[in-house]
All heavy atoms as atom14 arrays in JSON, in Angstrom:
{
  "sequence": "ITRYHLDVEPSVEEARVQVFHNCLVILPTCFLFLLCRKTMAGMRS",
  "atom14_mask": [
    [1, 1, 1, 1, 1, 1, 1, 1, 0, 0, 0, 0, 0, 0],
    [1, 1, 1, 1, 1, 1, 1, 0, 0, 0, 0, 0, 0, 0],
    [1, 1, 1, 1, 1, 1, 1, 1, 1, 1, 1, 0, 0, 0],
    [1, 1, 1, 1, 1, 1, 1, 1, 1, 1, 1, 1, 0, 0],
    [1, 1, 1, 1, 1, 1, 1, 1, 1, 1, 0, 0, 0, 0],
    [1, 1, 1, 1, 1, 1, 1, 1, 0, 0, 0, 0, 0, 0],
    [1, 1, 1, 1, 1, 1, 1, 1, 0, 0, 0, 0, 0, 0],
    [1, 1, 1, 1, 1, 1, 1, 0, 0, 0, 0, 0, 0, 0],
    [1, 1, 1, 1, 1, 1, 1, 1, 1, 0, 0, 0, 0, 0],
    [1, 1, 1, 1, 1, 1, 1, 0, 0, 0, 0, 0, 0, 0],
    [1, 1, 1, 1, 1, 1, 0, 0, 0, 0, 0, 0, 0, 0],
    [1, 1, 1, 1, 1, 1, 1, 0, 0, 0, 0, 0, 0, 0],
    [1, 1, 1, 1, 1, 1, 1, 1, 1, 0, 0, 0, 0, 0],
    [1, 1, 1, 1, 1, 1, 1, 1, 1, 0, 0, 0, 0, 0],
    [1, 1, 1, 1, 1, 0, 0, 0, 0, 0, 0, 0, 0, 0],
    [1, 1, 1, 1, 1, 1, 1, 1, 1, 1, 1, 0, 0, 0],
    [1, 1, 1, 1, 1, 1, 1, 0, 0, 0, 0, 0, 0, 0],
    [1, 1, 1, 1, 1, 1, 1, 1, 1, 0, 0, 0, 0, 0],
    [1, 1, 1, 1, 1, 1, 1, 0, 0, 0, 0, 0, 0, 0],
    [1, 1, 1, 1, 1, 1, 1, 1, 1, 1, 1, 0, 0, 0],
    [1, 1, 1, 1, 1, 1, 1, 1, 1, 1, 0, 0, 0, 0],
    [1, 1, 1, 1, 1, 1, 1, 1, 0, 0, 0, 0, 0, 0],
    [1, 1, 1, 1, 1, 1, 0, 0, 0, 0, 0, 0, 0, 0],
    [1, 1, 1, 1, 1, 1, 1, 1, 0, 0, 0, 0, 0, 0],
    [1, 1, 1, 1, 1, 1, 1, 0, 0, 0, 0, 0, 0, 0],
    [1, 1, 1, 1, 1, 1, 1, 1, 0, 0, 0, 0, 0, 0],
    [1, 1, 1, 1, 1, 1, 1, 1, 0, 0, 0, 0, 0, 0],
    [1, 1, 1, 1, 1, 1, 1, 0, 0, 0, 0, 0, 0, 0],
    [1, 1, 1, 1, 1, 1, 1, 0, 0, 0, 0, 0, 0, 0],
    [1, 1, 1, 1, 1, 1, 0, 0, 0, 0, 0, 0, 0, 0],
    [1, 1, 1, 1, 1, 1, 1, 1, 1, 1, 1, 0, 0, 0],
    [1, 1, 1, 1, 1, 1, 1, 1, 0, 0, 0, 0, 0, 0],
    [1, 1, 1, 1, 1, 1, 1, 1, 1, 1, 1, 0, 0, 0],
    [1, 1, 1, 1, 1, 1, 1, 1, 0, 0, 0, 0, 0, 0],
    [1, 1, 1, 1, 1, 1, 1, 1, 0, 0, 0, 0, 0, 0],
    [1, 1, 1, 1, 1, 1, 0, 0, 0, 0, 0, 0, 0, 0],
    [1, 1, 1, 1, 1, 1, 1, 1, 1, 1, 1, 0, 0, 0],
    [1, 1, 1, 1, 1, 1, 1, 1, 1, 0, 0, 0, 0, 0],
    [1, 1, 1, 1, 1, 1, 1, 0, 0, 0, 0, 0, 0, 0],
    [1, 1, 1, 1, 1, 1, 1, 1, 0, 0, 0, 0, 0, 0],
    [1, 1, 1, 1, 1, 0, 0, 0, 0, 0, 0, 0, 0, 0],
    [1, 1, 1, 1, 0, 0, 0, 0, 0, 0, 0, 0, 0, 0],
    [1, 1, 1, 1, 1, 1, 1, 1, 0, 0, 0, 0, 0, 0],
    [1, 1, 1, 1, 1, 1, 1, 1, 1, 1, 1, 0, 0, 0],
    [1, 1, 1, 1, 1, 1, 0, 0, 0, 0, 0, 0, 0, 0]
  ],
  "atom14_positions": [
    [[88.01, 98.39, 126.96], [87.6, 99.7, 127.32], [86.37, 100.2, 126.65], [85.57, 101.02, 127.25], [88.77, 100.73, 127.13], [88.62, 101.98, 127.83], [88.96, 100.98, 125.65], [88.63, 101.88, 129.39], [0.0, 0.0, 0.0], [0.0, 0.0, 0.0], [0.0, 0.0, 0.0], [0.0, 0.0, 0.0], [0.0, 0.0, 0.0], [0.0, 0.0, 0.0]],
    [[86.13, 99.78, 125.48], [84.85, 100.07, 124.71], [83.61, 99.5, 125.47], [82.62, 100.08, 125.64], [84.92, 99.66, 123.31], [85.99, 100.38, 122.62], [83.7, 99.92, 122.54], [0.0, 0.0, 0.0], [0.0, 0.0, 0.0], [0.0, 0.0, 0.0], [0.0, 0.0, 0.0], [0.0, 0.0, 0.0], [0.0, 0.0, 0.0], [0.0, 0.0, 0.0]],
    [[83.8, 98.28, 125.82], [82.73, 97.49, 126.58], [82.44, 98.08, 127.94], [81.3, 98.38, 128.3], [83.11, 95.99, 126.65], [82.12, 95.19, 127.49], [80.83, 94.98, 126.7], [79.93, 94.17, 127.4], [79.67, 92.86, 127.23], [80.6, 92.19, 126.39], [78.83, 92.29, 128.01], [0.0, 0.0, 0.0], [0.0, 0.0, 0.0], [0.0, 0.0, 0.0]],
    [[83.51, 98.44, 128.62], [83.41, 99.11, 129.91], [82.63, 100.49, 129.81], [81.7, 100.78, 130.57], [84.75, 99.28, 130.49], [84.86, 100.04, 131.86], [84.01, 99.49, 133.01], [85.46, 101.2, 132.03], [83.99, 100.16, 134.13], [85.55, 101.89, 133.29], [84.75, 101.31, 134.31], [84.85, 101.99, 135.47], [0.0, 0.0, 0.0], [0.0, 0.0, 0.0]],
    [[83.09, 101.2, 128.78], [82.47, 102.54, 128.56], [80.94, 102.47, 128.18], [80.15, 103.18, 128.68], [83.21, 103.3, 127.48], [82.58, 104.59, 126.94], [82.46, 105.73, 127.84], [82.03, 104.85, 125.82], [81.83, 106.63, 127.08], [81.52, 106.18, 125.98], [0.0, 0.0, 0.0], [0.0, 0.0, 0.0], [0.0, 0.0, 0.0], [0.0, 0.0, 0.0]],
    [[80.66, 101.43, 127.28], [79.33, 101.32, 126.89], [78.4, 100.75, 128.05], [77.13, 100.93, 127.97], [79.16, 100.5, 125.69], [79.87, 101.24, 124.33], [79.78, 100.33, 123.19], [79.2, 102.6, 124.08], [0.0, 0.0, 0.0], [0.0, 0.0, 0.0], [0.0, 0.0, 0.0], [0.0, 0.0, 0.0], [0.0, 0.0, 0.0], [0.0, 0.0, 0.0]],
    [[78.95, 99.96, 128.9], [78.16, 99.5, 130.02], [77.75, 100.55, 131.05], [76.72, 100.56, 131.47], [79.04, 98.45, 130.84], [79.03, 97.08, 130.12], [78.34, 96.81, 129.2], [80.04, 96.41, 130.44], [0.0, 0.0, 0.0], [0.0, 0.0, 0.0], [0.0, 0.0, 0.0], [0.0, 0.0, 0.0], [0.0, 0.0, 0.0], [0.0, 0.0, 0.0]],
    [[78.63, 101.62, 131.06], [78.31, 102.81, 131.92], [77.48, 103.8, 131.2], [76.48, 104.33, 131.76], [79.59, 103.45, 132.39], [79.3, 104.75, 133.18], [80.45, 102.52, 133.22], [0.0, 0.0, 0.0], [0.0, 0.0, 0.0], [0.0, 0.0, 0.0], [0.0, 0.0, 0.0], [0.0, 0.0, 0.0], [0.0, 0.0, 0.0], [0.0, 0.0, 0.0]],
    [[77.86, 104.06, 129.91], [76.97, 105.03, 129.06], [76.45, 104.27, 127.87], [77.09, 104.37, 126.73], [77.86, 106.17, 128.65], [78.22, 107.04, 129.89], [79.08, 108.23, 129.48], [79.41, 108.39, 128.32], [79.16, 109.15, 130.34], [0.0, 0.0, 0.0], [0.0, 0.0, 0.0], [0.0, 0.0, 0.0], [0.0, 0.0, 0.0], [0.0, 0.0, 0.0]],
    [[75.45, 103.48, 128.01], [74.91, 102.69, 126.77], [74.47, 103.67, 125.58], [73.92, 104.77, 125.76], [73.65, 102.02, 127.33], [73.85, 102.03, 128.77], [74.59, 103.23, 129.22], [0.0, 0.0, 0.0], [0.0, 0.0, 0.0], [0.0, 0.0, 0.0], [0.0, 0.0, 0.0], [0.0, 0.0, 0.0], [0.0, 0.0, 0.0], [0.0, 0.0, 0.0]],
    [[74.81, 103.24, 124.42], [74.55, 103.95, 123.23], [74.59, 103.12, 122.08], [75.39, 102.13, 121.93], [75.44, 105.21, 123.07], [75.22, 105.95, 121.83], [0.0, 0.0, 0.0], [0.0, 0.0, 0.0], [0.0, 0.0, 0.0], [0.0, 0.0, 0.0], [0.0, 0.0, 0.0], [0.0, 0.0, 0.0], [0.0, 0.0, 0.0], [0.0, 0.0, 0.0]],
    [[73.87, 103.35, 120.96], [73.97, 102.81, 119.73], [74.37, 103.81, 118.51], [74.49, 103.36, 117.42], [72.68, 102.11, 119.25], [72.39, 100.97, 120.29], [71.5, 103.03, 119.11], [0.0, 0.0, 0.0], [0.0, 0.0, 0.0], [0.0, 0.0, 0.0], [0.0, 0.0, 0.0], [0.0, 0.0, 0.0], [0.0, 0.0, 0.0], [0.0, 0.0, 0.0]],
    [[74.64, 105.0, 118.92], [75.01, 106.15, 117.97], [76.51, 105.8, 117.56], [77.39, 105.63, 118.4], [74.86, 107.41, 118.62], [73.52, 107.87, 118.98], [73.42, 109.22, 119.59], [74.46, 109.93, 119.51], [72.47, 109.57, 120.14], [0.0, 0.0, 0.0], [0.0, 0.0, 0.0], [0.0, 0.0, 0.0], [0.0, 0.0, 0.0], [0.0, 0.0, 0.0]],
    [[76.75, 105.92, 116.24], [78.07, 105.63, 115.74], [79.2, 106.41, 116.41], [80.25, 105.87, 116.68], [78.08, 105.74, 114.18], [79.35, 105.24, 113.55], [79.28, 105.24, 112.07], [78.16, 105.03, 111.52], [80.35, 105.46, 111.35], [0.0, 0.0, 0.0], [0.0, 0.0, 0.0], [0.0, 0.0, 0.0], [0.0, 0.0, 0.0], [0.0, 0.0, 0.0]],
    [[78.92, 107.66, 116.45], [79.92, 108.55, 117.02], [80.25, 108.24, 118.44], [81.46, 108.49, 118.89], [79.45, 110.03, 116.93], [0.0, 0.0, 0.0], [0.0, 0.0, 0.0], [0.0, 0.0, 0.0], [0.0, 0.0, 0.0], [0.0, 0.0, 0.0], [0.0, 0.0, 0.0], [0.0, 0.0, 0.0], [0.0, 0.0, 0.0], [0.0, 0.0, 0.0]],
    [[79.43, 107.66, 119.15], [79.64, 107.39, 120.63], [80.17, 106.08, 120.88], [80.91, 105.82, 121.9], [78.36, 107.65, 121.34], [77.83, 109.18, 121.29], [76.71, 109.26, 122.24], [77.14, 109.21, 123.7], [76.25, 109.4, 124.75], [74.98, 109.52, 124.5], [76.81, 109.15, 125.9], [0.0, 0.0, 0.0], [0.0, 0.0, 0.0], [0.0, 0.0, 0.0]],
    [[79.82, 105.14, 120.03], [80.34, 103.72, 120.33], [81.87, 103.37, 119.87], [82.38, 102.52, 120.17], [79.29, 102.67, 119.67], [78.0, 102.83, 120.13], [79.49, 102.77, 118.02], [0.0, 0.0, 0.0], [0.0, 0.0, 0.0], [0.0, 0.0, 0.0], [0.0, 0.0, 0.0], [0.0, 0.0, 0.0], [0.0, 0.0, 0.0], [0.0, 0.0, 0.0]],
    [[82.28, 104.45, 119.08], [83.61, 104.27, 118.52], [84.75, 105.21, 119.08], [85.75, 105.48, 118.51], [83.62, 104.35, 117.06], [83.08, 105.66, 116.49], [83.49, 105.8, 115.02], [84.53, 105.31, 114.42], [82.66, 106.48, 114.25], [0.0, 0.0, 0.0], [0.0, 0.0, 0.0], [0.0, 0.0, 0.0], [0.0, 0.0, 0.0], [0.0, 0.0, 0.0]],
    [[84.37, 105.83, 120.24], [85.25, 106.88, 120.8], [86.61, 106.4, 121.11], [87.65, 107.09, 121.16], [84.73, 107.58, 122.05], [83.44, 108.29, 121.63], [84.28, 106.5, 123.03], [0.0, 0.0, 0.0], [0.0, 0.0, 0.0], [0.0, 0.0, 0.0], [0.0, 0.0, 0.0], [0.0, 0.0, 0.0], [0.0, 0.0, 0.0], [0.0, 0.0, 0.0]],
    [[86.77, 105.05, 121.37], [88.11, 104.43, 121.67], [88.76, 103.63, 120.53], [89.87, 103.09, 120.65], [87.93, 103.66, 122.94], [87.68, 104.32, 124.2], [86.4, 104.32, 124.67], [88.52, 105.11, 124.93], [86.0, 105.02, 125.91], [88.27, 105.78, 125.99], [86.98, 105.81, 126.52], [0.0, 0.0, 0.0], [0.0, 0.0, 0.0], [0.0, 0.0, 0.0]],
    [[88.0, 103.62, 119.46], [88.55, 102.7, 118.44], [89.9, 103.08, 117.86], [90.6, 102.14, 117.42], [87.55, 102.75, 117.13], [86.29, 101.84, 117.36], [85.79, 101.63, 118.62], [85.52, 101.08, 116.63], [84.75, 100.79, 118.48], [84.63, 100.51, 117.2], [0.0, 0.0, 0.0], [0.0, 0.0, 0.0], [0.0, 0.0, 0.0], [0.0, 0.0, 0.0]],
    [[90.18, 104.31, 117.79], [91.53, 104.7, 117.29], [92.76, 104.61, 118.33], [93.81, 105.11, 118.01], [91.46, 106.05, 116.6], [90.67, 105.97, 115.31], [90.92, 105.02, 114.45], [89.73, 106.81, 115.19], [0.0, 0.0, 0.0], [0.0, 0.0, 0.0], [0.0, 0.0, 0.0], [0.0, 0.0, 0.0], [0.0, 0.0, 0.0], [0.0, 0.0, 0.0]],
    [[92.42, 104.39, 119.56], [93.31, 104.5, 120.69], [94.73, 103.97, 120.42], [95.67, 104.5, 120.53], [92.78, 104.09, 121.98], [91.68, 105.21, 122.69], [0.0, 0.0, 0.0], [0.0, 0.0, 0.0], [0.0, 0.0, 0.0], [0.0, 0.0, 0.0], [0.0, 0.0, 0.0], [0.0, 0.0, 0.0], [0.0, 0.0, 0.0], [0.0, 0.0, 0.0]],
    [[94.67, 102.63, 120.01], [95.97, 101.91, 119.87], [95.99, 101.29, 118.44], [96.76, 100.34, 118.15], [95.94, 100.66, 120.88], [95.68, 101.08, 122.32], [95.55, 99.87, 123.24], [96.94, 101.9, 122.78], [0.0, 0.0, 0.0], [0.0, 0.0, 0.0], [0.0, 0.0, 0.0], [0.0, 0.0, 0.0], [0.0, 0.0, 0.0], [0.0, 0.0, 0.0]],
    [[95.46, 101.98, 117.55], [95.27, 101.46, 116.21], [96.6, 101.48, 115.45], [96.91, 100.8, 114.49], [94.24, 102.34, 115.35], [94.79, 103.64, 115.02], [93.89, 101.57, 114.02], [0.0, 0.0, 0.0], [0.0, 0.0, 0.0], [0.0, 0.0, 0.0], [0.0, 0.0, 0.0], [0.0, 0.0, 0.0], [0.0, 0.0, 0.0], [0.0, 0.0, 0.0]],
    [[97.47, 102.22, 115.94], [98.93, 102.27, 115.36], [99.56, 100.92, 115.32], [100.32, 100.64, 114.46], [99.85, 103.37, 116.02], [101.08, 103.52, 115.3], [100.04, 103.07, 117.46], [101.94, 104.71, 115.78], [0.0, 0.0, 0.0], [0.0, 0.0, 0.0], [0.0, 0.0, 0.0], [0.0, 0.0, 0.0], [0.0, 0.0, 0.0], [0.0, 0.0, 0.0]],
    [[99.36, 100.11, 116.38], [99.97, 98.89, 116.46], [99.54, 97.84, 115.45], [100.25, 97.3, 114.67], [99.88, 98.3, 117.86], [100.52, 99.15, 118.93], [100.21, 98.57, 120.39], [102.1, 99.21, 118.74], [0.0, 0.0, 0.0], [0.0, 0.0, 0.0], [0.0, 0.0, 0.0], [0.0, 0.0, 0.0], [0.0, 0.0, 0.0], [0.0, 0.0, 0.0]],
    [[98.26, 97.55, 115.29], [97.77, 96.68, 114.2], [98.06, 97.28, 112.83], [98.27, 96.41, 111.96], [96.2, 96.43, 114.48], [95.86, 97.61, 115.35], [97.08, 97.94, 116.12], [0.0, 0.0, 0.0], [0.0, 0.0, 0.0], [0.0, 0.0, 0.0], [0.0, 0.0, 0.0], [0.0, 0.0, 0.0], [0.0, 0.0, 0.0], [0.0, 0.0, 0.0]],
    [[98.06, 98.58, 112.72], [98.35, 99.2, 111.43], [99.7, 98.82, 110.96], [99.99, 98.36, 109.91], [98.12, 100.7, 111.41], [96.79, 100.87, 111.8], [98.5, 101.35, 110.08], [0.0, 0.0, 0.0], [0.0, 0.0, 0.0], [0.0, 0.0, 0.0], [0.0, 0.0, 0.0], [0.0, 0.0, 0.0], [0.0, 0.0, 0.0], [0.0, 0.0, 0.0]],
    [[100.77, 99.06, 111.83], [102.23, 98.85, 111.52], [102.31, 97.4, 111.23], [103.05, 96.91, 110.32], [103.08, 99.28, 112.64], [103.14, 101.1, 112.79], [0.0, 0.0, 0.0], [0.0, 0.0, 0.0], [0.0, 0.0, 0.0], [0.0, 0.0, 0.0], [0.0, 0.0, 0.0], [0.0, 0.0, 0.0], [0.0, 0.0, 0.0], [0.0, 0.0, 0.0]],
    [[101.64, 96.47, 112.13], [101.77, 95.01, 111.9], [101.35, 94.57, 110.5], [101.99, 93.89, 109.8], [101.1, 94.28, 112.97], [100.99, 92.76, 112.63], [102.18, 91.92, 112.81], [99.83, 92.23, 112.23], [102.13, 90.67, 112.55], [99.77, 90.75, 112.03], [101.01, 90.09, 112.09], [0.0, 0.0, 0.0], [0.0, 0.0, 0.0], [0.0, 0.0, 0.0]],
    [[100.13, 95.09, 110.03], [99.64, 94.67, 108.84], [100.51, 95.21, 107.63], [100.67, 94.48, 106.69], [98.21, 95.17, 108.73], [97.52, 94.77, 107.41], [97.34, 93.27, 107.34], [95.95, 95.47, 107.39], [0.0, 0.0, 0.0], [0.0, 0.0, 0.0], [0.0, 0.0, 0.0], [0.0, 0.0, 0.0], [0.0, 0.0, 0.0], [0.0, 0.0, 0.0]],
    [[100.98, 96.43, 107.8], [101.87, 96.77, 106.74], [103.12, 96.12, 106.63], [103.53, 95.65, 105.45], [102.27, 98.32, 107.04], [102.99, 99.04, 105.93], [102.33, 99.87, 105.09], [104.38, 99.02, 105.85], [102.93, 100.57, 104.05], [105.04, 99.59, 104.88], [104.33, 100.5, 103.89], [0.0, 0.0, 0.0], [0.0, 0.0, 0.0], [0.0, 0.0, 0.0]],
    [[103.79, 95.66, 107.71], [104.97, 94.94, 107.77], [104.63, 93.51, 107.17], [105.47, 92.86, 106.5], [105.61, 94.92, 109.0], [106.38, 96.11, 109.51], [106.89, 96.03, 111.0], [107.63, 96.39, 108.63], [0.0, 0.0, 0.0], [0.0, 0.0, 0.0], [0.0, 0.0, 0.0], [0.0, 0.0, 0.0], [0.0, 0.0, 0.0], [0.0, 0.0, 0.0]],
    [[103.55, 92.85, 107.64], [103.23, 91.59, 107.22], [103.06, 91.47, 105.69], [103.5, 90.64, 105.04], [101.8, 91.1, 107.91], [101.42, 89.82, 107.56], [102.3, 88.63, 108.06], [99.93, 89.56, 108.15], [0.0, 0.0, 0.0], [0.0, 0.0, 0.0], [0.0, 0.0, 0.0], [0.0, 0.0, 0.0], [0.0, 0.0, 0.0], [0.0, 0.0, 0.0]],
    [[102.32, 92.47, 105.09], [102.19, 92.55, 103.61], [103.5, 92.7, 102.99], [103.72, 91.93, 101.96], [101.2, 93.7, 103.27], [99.47, 93.37, 103.73], [0.0, 0.0, 0.0], [0.0, 0.0, 0.0], [0.0, 0.0, 0.0], [0.0, 0.0, 0.0], [0.0, 0.0, 0.0], [0.0, 0.0, 0.0], [0.0, 0.0, 0.0], [0.0, 0.0, 0.0]],
    [[104.35, 93.48, 103.45], [105.72, 93.73, 102.78], [106.49, 92.56, 102.85], [107.1, 92.1, 101.9], [106.35, 94.9, 103.48], [107.57, 95.32, 102.65], [108.57, 96.13, 103.28], [109.8, 96.3, 102.48], [110.95, 96.79, 102.95], [111.12, 97.02, 104.13], [111.88, 96.86, 102.08], [0.0, 0.0, 0.0], [0.0, 0.0, 0.0], [0.0, 0.0, 0.0]],
    [[106.49, 91.91, 104.07], [107.36, 90.64, 104.13], [106.8, 89.4, 103.41], [107.59, 88.83, 102.61], [107.47, 90.19, 105.59], [108.37, 89.19, 105.86], [108.71, 88.9, 107.34], [109.61, 87.82, 107.5], [110.94, 87.97, 106.96], [0.0, 0.0, 0.0], [0.0, 0.0, 0.0], [0.0, 0.0, 0.0], [0.0, 0.0, 0.0], [0.0, 0.0, 0.0]],
    [[105.47, 89.18, 103.34], [105.0, 88.07, 102.7], [104.91, 88.24, 101.17], [104.7, 87.24, 100.48], [103.69, 87.66, 103.28], [102.7, 88.84, 103.1], [103.77, 87.31, 104.69], [0.0, 0.0, 0.0], [0.0, 0.0, 0.0], [0.0, 0.0, 0.0], [0.0, 0.0, 0.0], [0.0, 0.0, 0.0], [0.0, 0.0, 0.0], [0.0, 0.0, 0.0]],
    [[104.77, 89.44, 100.72], [104.62, 89.67, 99.4], [105.85, 90.41, 98.64], [105.71, 90.83, 97.59], [103.33, 90.56, 99.12], [102.05, 90.11, 99.67], [100.66, 91.2, 99.56], [100.4, 91.14, 97.76], [0.0, 0.0, 0.0], [0.0, 0.0, 0.0], [0.0, 0.0, 0.0], [0.0, 0.0, 0.0], [0.0, 0.0, 0.0], [0.0, 0.0, 0.0]],
    [[106.94, 90.38, 99.32], [108.11, 91.06, 98.8], [108.61, 90.56, 97.51], [109.11, 91.28, 96.65], [109.21, 91.03, 99.9], [0.0, 0.0, 0.0], [0.0, 0.0, 0.0], [0.0, 0.0, 0.0], [0.0, 0.0, 0.0], [0.0, 0.0, 0.0], [0.0, 0.0, 0.0], [0.0, 0.0, 0.0], [0.0, 0.0, 0.0], [0.0, 0.0, 0.0]],
    [[108.44, 89.25, 97.19], [108.97, 88.64, 95.96], [107.89, 88.49, 94.87], [108.16, 87.93, 93.87], [0.0, 0.0, 0.0], [0.0, 0.0, 0.0], [0.0, 0.0, 0.0], [0.0, 0.0, 0.0], [0.0, 0.0, 0.0], [0.0, 0.0, 0.0], [0.0, 0.0, 0.0], [0.0, 0.0, 0.0], [0.0, 0.0, 0.0], [0.0, 0.0, 0.0]],
    [[106.73, 89.09, 95.08], [105.63, 88.94, 94.05], [105.91, 89.93, 92.86], [106.17, 91.06, 93.05], [104.29, 89.34, 94.71], [103.18, 89.0, 93.81], [101.39, 89.36, 94.63], [101.54, 87.95, 95.74], [0.0, 0.0, 0.0], [0.0, 0.0, 0.0], [0.0, 0.0, 0.0], [0.0, 0.0, 0.0], [0.0, 0.0, 0.0], [0.0, 0.0, 0.0]],
    [[105.85, 89.33, 91.77], [106.08, 90.01, 90.51], [104.98, 90.91, 90.11], [103.83, 90.49, 90.24], [106.59, 89.02, 89.34], [107.79, 88.24, 89.66], [108.12, 87.44, 88.35], [108.38, 88.34, 87.21], [109.48, 88.85, 86.96], [110.55, 88.71, 87.75], [109.69, 89.66, 85.96], [0.0, 0.0, 0.0], [0.0, 0.0, 0.0], [0.0, 0.0, 0.0]],
    [[105.25, 92.09, 89.59], [104.2, 92.88, 89.17], [103.81, 92.7, 87.66], [102.77, 93.34, 87.23], [104.66, 94.32, 89.38], [105.84, 94.61, 88.52], [0.0, 0.0, 0.0], [0.0, 0.0, 0.0], [0.0, 0.0, 0.0], [0.0, 0.0, 0.0], [0.0, 0.0, 0.0], [0.0, 0.0, 0.0], [0.0, 0.0, 0.0], [0.0, 0.0, 0.0]]
  ]
}
């Protein structure tokens, strides 16, 4: 969707090229959190 949007409205401005970056970020965020918890659960402090 970012590629499609920038093909129609080309821009190199940071605020405009990342308008969709947070759309589905909840899914990789939760995965990374769970991955770290599961793989590092037995690590001693």
